[in-house]
C-alpha atoms as a PDB file:
ATOM      1  CA  MET A   1     114.135 110.308 118.720  1.00  0.00           C
ATOM      2  CA  PHE A   2     110.789 111.566 117.777  1.00  0.00           C
ATOM      3  CA  TYR A   3     110.605 110.422 114.392  1.00  0.00           C
ATOM      4  CA  SER A   4     112.298 107.074 115.366  1.00  0.00           C
ATOM      5  CA  SER A   5     109.463 106.694 117.640  1.00  0.00           C
ATOM      6  CA  GLN A   6     106.897 107.466 115.110  1.00  0.00           C
ATOM      7  CA  ALA A   7     108.672 104.749 112.694  1.00  0.00           C
ATOM      8  CA  LEU A   8     108.576 102.172 115.538  1.00  0.00           C
ATOM      9  CA  THR A   9     105.032 102.817 116.447  1.00  0.00           C
ATOM     10  CA  ILE A  10     103.969 102.203 112.549  1.00  0.00           C
ATOM     11  CA  SER A  11     106.229  99.107 112.448  1.00  0.00           C
ATOM     12  CA  ALA A  12     104.846  97.695 115.621  1.00  0.00           C
ATOM     13  CA  ILE A  13     101.038  98.171 114.354  1.00  0.00           C
ATOM     14  CA  VAL A  14     101.881  96.637 110.967  1.00  0.00           C
ATOM     15  CA  TYR A  15     103.707  93.821 112.707  1.00  0.00           C
ATOM     16  CA  ARG A  16     100.821  93.038 114.799  1.00  0.00           C
ATOM     17  CA  PHE A  17      97.954  93.563 112.133  1.00  0.00           C
ATOM     18  CA  LYS A  18     100.035  92.821 109.061  1.00  0.00           C
ATOM     19  CA  THR A  19      98.799  95.753 107.078  1.00  0.00           C
ATOM     20  CA  ILE A  20      97.050  99.115 107.677  1.00  0.00           C
ATOM     21  CA  GLY A  21      94.109  99.652 105.521  1.00  0.00           C
ATOM     22  CA  GLY A  22      95.840  97.217 103.075  1.00  0.00           C
ATOM     23  CA  TRP A  23      99.077  98.798 103.126  1.00  0.00           C
ATOM     24  CA  THR A  24     102.181  96.661 103.996  1.00  0.00           C
ATOM     25  CA  LEU A  25     105.145  97.565 106.146  1.00  0.00           C
ATOM     26  CA  GLY A  26     107.291  98.537 102.764  1.00  0.00           C
ATOM     27  CA  GLU A  27     104.573 100.589 101.449  1.00  0.00           C
ATOM     28  CA  MET A  28     103.951 102.468 104.759  1.00  0.00           C
ATOM     29  CA  ALA A  29     107.755 103.052 104.849  1.00  0.00           C
ATOM     30  CA  PHE A  30     107.615 104.701 101.246  1.00  0.00           C
ATOM     31  CA  LEU A  31     104.829 106.961 102.556  1.00  0.00           C
ATOM     32  CA  TYR A  32     106.939 107.919 105.411  1.00  0.00           C
ATOM     33  CA  SER A  33     110.078 108.484 103.574  1.00  0.00           C
ATOM     34  CA  VAL A  34     108.402 110.801 101.058  1.00  0.00           C
ATOM     35  CA  LEU A  35     106.804 112.835 103.527  1.00  0.00           C
ATOM     36  CA  ILE A  36     110.134 113.301 105.581  1.00  0.00           C
ATOM     37  CA  LEU A  37     112.002 114.091 102.494  1.00  0.00           C
ATOM     38  CA  SER A  38     109.705 116.939 101.661  1.00  0.00           C
ATOM     39  CA  MET A  39     109.615 118.090 105.220  1.00  0.00           C
ATOM     40  CA  GLY A  40     113.356 118.106 105.352  1.00  0.00           C
ATOM     41  CA  LEU A  41     113.662 120.633 102.546  1.00  0.00           C
ATOM     42  CA  VAL A  42     110.872 122.759 103.925  1.00  0.00           C
ATOM     43  CA  SER A  43     112.321 122.725 107.443  1.00  0.00           C
ATOM     44  CA  SER A  44     115.731 123.787 106.174  1.00  0.00           C
ATOM     45  CA  MET A  45     114.662 126.795 104.151  1.00  0.00           C
ATOM     46  CA  PHE A  46     111.301 127.954 105.551  1.00  0.00           C
ATOM     47  CA  SER A  47     111.754 127.791 109.385  1.00  0.00           C
ATOM     48  CA  GLY A  48     111.938 131.535 109.691  1.00  0.00           C
ATOM     49  CA  LEU A  49     108.331 131.574 108.990  1.00  0.00           C
ATOM     50  CA  ILE A  50     107.283 129.662 112.087  1.00  0.00           C
ATOM     51  CA  ASP A  51     107.814 132.629 114.410  1.00  0.00           C
ATOM     52  CA  PHE A  52     106.931 135.343 112.006  1.00  0.00           C
ATOM     53  CA  TYR A  53     104.449 136.521 114.345  1.00  0.00           C
ATOM     54  CA  GLU A  54     107.371 137.805 116.691  1.00  0.00           C
ATOM     55  CA  PHE A  55     108.419 140.257 113.907  1.00  0.00           C
ATOM     56  CA  ILE A  56     104.957 141.766 113.750  1.00  0.00           C
ATOM     57  CA  ARG A  57     104.399 141.861 117.620  1.00  0.00           C
ATOM     58  CA  GLU A  58     108.036 143.362 118.296  1.00  0.00           C
ATOM     59  CA  GLY A  59     107.863 145.773 115.336  1.00  0.00           C
ATOM     60  CA  THR A  60     110.968 144.147 113.855  1.00  0.00           C
ATOM     61  CA  PHE A  61     109.041 143.723 110.348  1.00  0.00           C
ATOM     62  CA  ASP A  62     109.413 147.486 110.246  1.00  0.00           C
ATOM     63  CA  ARG A  63     113.131 147.468 109.808  1.00  0.00           C
ATOM     64  CA  ILE A  64     112.812 144.612 107.214  1.00  0.00           C
ATOM     65  CA  LEU A  65     110.476 146.720 104.998  1.00  0.00           C
ATOM     66  CA  LEU A  66     113.166 149.464 105.020  1.00  0.00           C
ATOM     67  CA  ARG A  67     115.559 147.397 103.140  1.00  0.00           C
ATOM     68  CA  PRO A  68     115.460 147.359  99.468  1.00  0.00           C
ATOM     69  CA  LEU A  69     114.950 143.561  99.428  1.00  0.00           C
ATOM     70  CA  SER A  70     112.201 141.158  99.398  1.00  0.00           C
ATOM     71  CA  PRO A  71     110.710 141.030 102.802  1.00  0.00           C
ATOM     72  CA  LEU A  72     109.517 137.408 102.504  1.00  0.00           C
ATOM     73  CA  GLY A  73     112.958 136.559 101.076  1.00  0.00           C
ATOM     74  CA  GLN A  74     114.631 138.115 104.171  1.00  0.00           C
ATOM     75  CA  ILE A  75     112.470 136.113 106.576  1.00  0.00           C
ATOM     76  CA  ILE A  76     113.156 132.857 104.694  1.00  0.00           C
ATOM     77  CA  ALA A  77     116.944 133.588 104.287  1.00  0.00           C
ATOM     78  CA  GLY A  78     117.282 134.550 107.955  1.00  0.00           C
ATOM     79  CA  GLY A  79     115.511 131.126 109.215  1.00  0.00           C
ATOM     80  CA  PHE A  80     117.883 128.220 108.095  1.00  0.00           C
ATOM     81  CA  GLU A  81     117.286 125.304 110.336  1.00  0.00           C
ATOM     82  CA  ILE A  82     120.174 122.706 110.534  1.00  0.00           C
ATOM     83  CA  THR A  83     117.438 120.053 111.736  1.00  0.00           C
ATOM     84  CA  GLY A  84     116.172 120.036 108.140  1.00  0.00           C
ATOM     85  CA  VAL A  85     119.261 118.128 107.279  1.00  0.00           C
ATOM     86  CA  VAL A  86     118.432 115.464 109.825  1.00  0.00           C
ATOM     87  CA  HIS A  87     114.990 115.266 108.187  1.00  0.00           C
ATOM     88  CA  LEU A  88     116.814 114.497 104.844  1.00  0.00           C
ATOM     89  CA  ILE A  89     118.917 111.855 106.538  1.00  0.00           C
ATOM     90  CA  LEU A  90     116.116 110.291 108.002  1.00  0.00           C
ATOM     91  CA  GLY A  91     114.003 110.472 104.756  1.00  0.00           C
ATOM     92  CA  LEU A  92     116.831 108.970 102.614  1.00  0.00           C
ATOM     93  CA  THR A  93     117.286 106.075 105.476  1.00  0.00           C
ATOM     94  CA  ALA A  94     113.419 105.438 105.372  1.00  0.00           C
ATOM     95  CA  PHE A  95     113.545 105.650 101.512  1.00  0.00           C
ATOM     96  CA  TRP A  96     116.275 102.857 101.541  1.00  0.00           C
ATOM     97  CA  ILE A  97     114.475 100.807 103.869  1.00  0.00           C
ATOM     98  CA  ALA A  98     111.106 100.951 101.772  1.00  0.00           C
ATOM     99  CA  ASN A  99     113.013  99.951  98.687  1.00  0.00           C
ATOM    100  CA  GLN A 100     114.396  96.885 100.453  1.00  0.00           C
ATOM    101  CA  LEU A 101     110.869  95.850 101.506  1.00  0.00           C
ATOM    102  CA  GLN A 102     108.988  97.161  98.503  1.00  0.00           C
ATOM    103  CA  LYS A 103     110.443  96.757  94.912  1.00  0.00           C
ATOM    104  CA  VAL A 104     109.931  99.826  92.807  1.00  0.00           C
ATOM    105  CA  ASP A 105     111.000  99.960  89.022  1.00  0.00           C
ATOM    106  CA  TRP A 106     113.413 103.109  89.220  1.00  0.00           C
ATOM    107  CA  ASN A 107     113.614 103.673  85.525  1.00  0.00           C
ATOM    108  CA  TRP A 108     114.546 107.216  84.340  1.00  0.00           C
ATOM    109  CA  LEU A 109     110.897 108.358  83.993  1.00  0.00           C
ATOM    110  CA  ASN A 110     110.076 107.326  87.650  1.00  0.00           C
ATOM    111  CA  ILE A 111     113.211 109.105  88.942  1.00  0.00           C
ATOM    112  CA  ILE A 112     112.120 112.282  87.225  1.00  0.00           C
ATOM    113  CA  VAL A 113     108.451 111.769  88.428  1.00  0.00           C
ATOM    114  CA  PHE A 114     109.914 111.222  92.019  1.00  0.00           C
ATOM    115  CA  ILE A 115     111.917 114.499  91.906  1.00  0.00           C
ATOM    116  CA  THR A 116     108.795 116.422  90.843  1.00  0.00           C
ATOM    117  CA  VAL A 117     106.724 114.732  93.664  1.00  0.00           C
ATOM    118  CA  ILE A 118     109.423 115.847  96.264  1.00  0.00           C
ATOM    119  CA  LEU A 119     109.390 119.365  94.809  1.00  0.00           C
ATOM    120  CA  GLY A 120     105.617 119.426  94.556  1.00  0.00           C
ATOM    121  CA  GLY A 121     105.168 118.156  98.378  1.00  0.00           C
ATOM    122  CA  SER A 122     107.820 120.707  99.577  1.00  0.00           C
ATOM    123  CA  LEU A 123     105.954 123.528  97.647  1.00  0.00           C
ATOM    124  CA  ILE A 124     102.670 122.551  99.477  1.00  0.00           C
ATOM    125  CA  LEU A 125     104.357 122.480 102.905  1.00  0.00           C
ATOM    126  CA  ALA A 126     106.135 125.767 102.229  1.00  0.00           C
ATOM    127  CA  SER A 127     102.932 127.367 101.120  1.00  0.00           C
ATOM    128  CA  ILE A 128     101.117 126.412 104.225  1.00  0.00           C
ATOM    129  CA  ARG A 129     103.801 128.136 106.170  1.00  0.00           C
ATOM    130  CA  ILE A 130     103.520 131.255 104.133  1.00  0.00           C
ATOM    131  CA  ILE A 131      99.748 131.237 104.462  1.00  0.00           C
ATOM    132  CA  ILE A 132      99.732 130.908 108.273  1.00  0.00           C
ATOM    133  CA  ALA A 133     102.617 133.515 108.512  1.00  0.00           C
ATOM    134  CA  SER A 134     100.259 135.904 106.420  1.00  0.00           C
ATOM    135  CA  ILE A 135      97.624 135.601 109.060  1.00  0.00           C
ATOM    136  CA  ALA A 136      99.935 137.308 111.544  1.00  0.00           C
ATOM    137  CA  PHE A 137      99.393 140.504 109.730  1.00  0.00           C
ATOM    138  CA  TYR A 138      95.836 140.398 110.925  1.00  0.00           C
ATOM    139  CA  ALA A 139      95.800 138.533 114.224  1.00  0.00           C
ATOM    140  CA  VAL A 140      99.410 139.192 115.246  1.00  0.00           C
ATOM    141  CA  ASN A 141      99.888 136.076 117.445  1.00  0.00           C
ATOM    142  CA  ASN A 142      99.131 133.095 115.034  1.00  0.00           C
ATOM    143  CA  SER A 143     101.252 130.533 117.268  1.00  0.00           C
ATOM    144  CA  SER A 144      98.061 128.182 117.787  1.00  0.00           C
ATOM    145  CA  LEU A 145      97.492 127.992 114.025  1.00  0.00           C
ATOM    146  CA  VAL A 146     101.398 127.152 113.356  1.00  0.00           C
ATOM    147  CA  HIS A 147     100.987 124.366 115.837  1.00  0.00           C
ATOM    148  CA  LEU A 148      97.665 123.163 114.195  1.00  0.00           C
ATOM    149  CA  PHE A 149      98.507 123.509 110.600  1.00  0.00           C
ATOM    150  CA  VAL A 150     102.056 123.229 110.263  1.00  0.00           C
ATOM    151  CA  PHE A 151     102.846 120.504 112.660  1.00  0.00           C
ATOM    152  CA  SER A 152      99.798 118.636 113.816  1.00  0.00           C
ATOM    153  CA  THR A 153      97.953 118.174 110.599  1.00  0.00           C
ATOM    154  CA  ARG A 154     100.994 116.325 108.771  1.00  0.00           C
ATOM    155  CA  GLU A 155     100.529 113.608 111.374  1.00  0.00           C
ATOM    156  CA  PHE A 156      97.672 112.522 109.095  1.00  0.00           C
ATOM    157  CA  MET A 157     100.043 111.647 106.389  1.00  0.00           C
ATOM    158  CA  LEU A 158     101.937 109.153 108.553  1.00  0.00           C
ATOM    159  CA  TYR A 159      99.119 106.805 107.531  1.00  0.00           C
ATOM    160  CA  PRO A 160      97.398 105.885 104.217  1.00  0.00           C
ATOM    161  CA  MET A 161      94.367 108.336 103.788  1.00  0.00           C
ATOM    162  CA  ASN A 162      92.113 105.392 102.812  1.00  0.00           C
ATOM    163  CA  ILE A 163      91.635 104.591 106.592  1.00  0.00           C
ATOM    164  CA  TYR A 164      90.060 107.893 107.058  1.00  0.00           C
ATOM    165  CA  PRO A 165      86.339 109.021 106.756  1.00  0.00           C
ATOM    166  CA  THR A 166      85.399 110.318 103.349  1.00  0.00           C
ATOM    167  CA  GLY A 167      84.943 113.906 104.841  1.00  0.00           C
ATOM    168  CA  LEU A 168      88.517 114.026 106.167  1.00  0.00           C
ATOM    169  CA  LYS A 169      89.875 112.575 103.000  1.00  0.00           C
ATOM    170  CA  PHE A 170      87.996 115.434 101.119  1.00  0.00           C
ATOM    171  CA  ILE A 171      89.456 118.042 103.326  1.00  0.00           C
ATOM    172  CA  LEU A 172      93.081 116.488 102.962  1.00  0.00           C
ATOM    173  CA  THR A 173      92.539 116.543  99.154  1.00  0.00           C
ATOM    174  CA  PHE A 174      90.845 119.582  98.293  1.00  0.00           C
ATOM    175  CA  LEU A 175      91.021 122.052 101.291  1.00  0.00           C
ATOM    176  CA  LEU A 176      94.375 121.301 102.837  1.00  0.00           C
ATOM    177  CA  PRO A 177      95.905 119.191 100.181  1.00  0.00           C
ATOM    178  CA  LEU A 178      98.442 117.214 102.090  1.00  0.00           C
ATOM    179  CA  GLY A 179      97.340 113.939 100.584  1.00  0.00           C
ATOM    180  CA  PHE A 180      99.436 115.102  97.366  1.00  0.00           C
ATOM    181  CA  ILE A 181     102.727 115.119  99.387  1.00  0.00           C
ATOM    182  CA  ASN A 182     102.800 111.328  99.606  1.00  0.00           C
ATOM    183  CA  TYR A 183      99.523 109.401  99.528  1.00  0.00           C
ATOM    184  CA  TYR A 184      98.511 110.161  95.890  1.00  0.00           C
ATOM    185  CA  PRO A 185     101.955 109.732  94.350  1.00  0.00           C
ATOM    186  CA  ALA A 186     102.384 106.535  96.202  1.00  0.00           C
ATOM    187  CA  TYR A 187      99.813 104.926  94.135  1.00  0.00           C
ATOM    188  CA  TYR A 188     101.953 105.621  90.823  1.00  0.00           C
ATOM    189  CA  PHE A 189     105.157 104.164  92.180  1.00  0.00           C
ATOM    190  CA  LEU A 190     103.655 101.109  94.058  1.00  0.00           C
ATOM    191  CA  ASN A 191     101.068 100.165  91.252  1.00  0.00           C
ATOM    192  CA  LYS A 192      98.283 100.137  93.704  1.00  0.00           C
ATOM    193  CA  SER A 193      94.865  99.706  92.718  1.00  0.00           C
ATOM    194  CA  THR A 194      93.101 103.130  92.886  1.00  0.00           C
ATOM    195  CA  GLU A 195      89.567 101.706  92.651  1.00  0.00           C
ATOM    196  CA  GLY A 196      87.645 102.938  95.710  1.00  0.00           C
ATOM    197  CA  ASN A 197      90.560 104.724  97.235  1.00  0.00           C
ATOM    198  CA  LEU A 198      90.969 107.792  95.008  1.00  0.00           C
ATOM    199  CA  PHE A 199      88.579 110.562  94.097  1.00  0.00           C
ATOM    200  CA  HIS A 200      90.159 110.196  90.578  1.00  0.00           C
ATOM    201  CA  PRO A 201      93.020 108.261  89.193  1.00  0.00           C
ATOM    202  CA  TYR A 202      94.760 111.548  87.718  1.00  0.00           C
ATOM    203  CA  LEU A 203      95.247 112.720  91.313  1.00  0.00           C
ATOM    204  CA  MET A 204      98.443 110.574  91.317  1.00  0.00           C
ATOM    205  CA  PHE A 205     100.013 113.242  89.244  1.00  0.00           C
ATOM    206  CA  GLY A 206      98.901 116.315  91.040  1.00  0.00           C
ATOM    207  CA  SER A 207     101.713 116.959  93.436  1.00  0.00           C
ATOM    208  CA  LEU A 208     103.574 119.640  91.305  1.00  0.00           C
ATOM    209  CA  PRO A 209     100.509 121.366  89.823  1.00  0.00           C
ATOM    210  CA  VAL A 210      98.923 121.516  93.335  1.00  0.00           C
ATOM    211  CA  GLY A 211     102.185 122.740  94.926  1.00  0.00           C
ATOM    212  CA  ILE A 212     102.510 125.588  92.218  1.00  0.00           C
ATOM    213  CA  PHE A 213      98.938 126.657  92.924  1.00  0.00           C
ATOM    214  CA  MET A 214      99.357 126.683  96.451  1.00  0.00           C
ATOM    215  CA  VAL A 215     102.449 128.878  96.234  1.00  0.00           C
ATOM    216  CA  ILE A 216     100.746 131.347  93.979  1.00  0.00           C
ATOM    217  CA  ALA A 217      97.803 131.529  96.368  1.00  0.00           C
ATOM    218  CA  SER A 218     100.049 131.860  99.452  1.00  0.00           C
ATOM    219  CA  LEU A 219     102.125 134.705  97.885  1.00  0.00           C
ATOM    220  CA  LEU A 220      98.961 136.548  96.832  1.00  0.00           C
ATOM    221  CA  LEU A 221      97.787 136.396 100.438  1.00  0.00           C
ATOM    222  CA  TRP A 222     101.271 137.320 101.827  1.00  0.00           C
ATOM    223  CA  GLU A 223     101.140 140.486  99.394  1.00  0.00           C
ATOM    224  CA  LYS A 224      97.552 141.267 100.536  1.00  0.00           C
ATOM    225  CA  GLY A 225      98.550 140.926 104.306  1.00  0.00           C
ATOM    226  CA  LYS A 226     101.627 143.178 103.881  1.00  0.00           C
ATOM    227  CA  LYS A 227      99.580 145.886 102.466  1.00  0.00           C
ATOM    228  CA  ALA A 228      97.173 145.701 105.378  1.00  0.00           C
ATOM    229  CA  TYR A 229     100.459 145.759 107.871  1.00  0.00           C
ATOM    230  CA  GLU A 230      99.853 149.073 109.946  1.00  0.00           C
ATOM    231  CA  SER A 231     103.420 148.693 112.058  1.00  0.00           C
ATOM    232  CA  ALA A 232     103.514 147.998 115.624  1.00  0.00           C
ATOM    233  CA  GLY A 233     104.363 151.632 116.601  1.00  0.00           C
ATOM    234  CA  SER A 234     101.871 154.291 117.919  1.00  0.00           C
END
């Protein structure tokens, strides 16, 4: 119901004003579908990181460290969330609607690029969860950061980034690179003009490289935080 209300809100705005920042309803649906598909994969596999601070606060992480398995792997494996499947269903539905409204040439090259975009977007979202979970090693209770960076910031990507001020676009590109999940790749698939809208046209192909970079950085931060962990015991 939550995502349906989002989609209806966007549709109502586009119906009233015809476009949002020059983006039609079909193009907006494409943005939405790519975001939800990436979120679906991450929600299914990385939900265990959302409440990781509880492992630190209650000392449960000590037991995880005693097992001859990857601590991060255990946290991820123990947090499968069925709602991720619903994300995927919604994403596929939005993707079908987008293709009915906006024709995209789905040749083999574009199909491969699309798969890498979904993979890259998922890696970006997953790395953000790992980074925020890593902060719990130092701050213990990171629930406010989870709400801000995992849930609230992604609302920006429901709309095209060109409607935001330059400073915010810079943040969503180079500091918290959510723009690579759906906004920049959309220019490739929709053949939209990049002039005046992108910092550089090559950013259209940055989803997977940025995702890989983010994952490496998040894993390094996780390992550093794990070494700083001092247990919850006295």
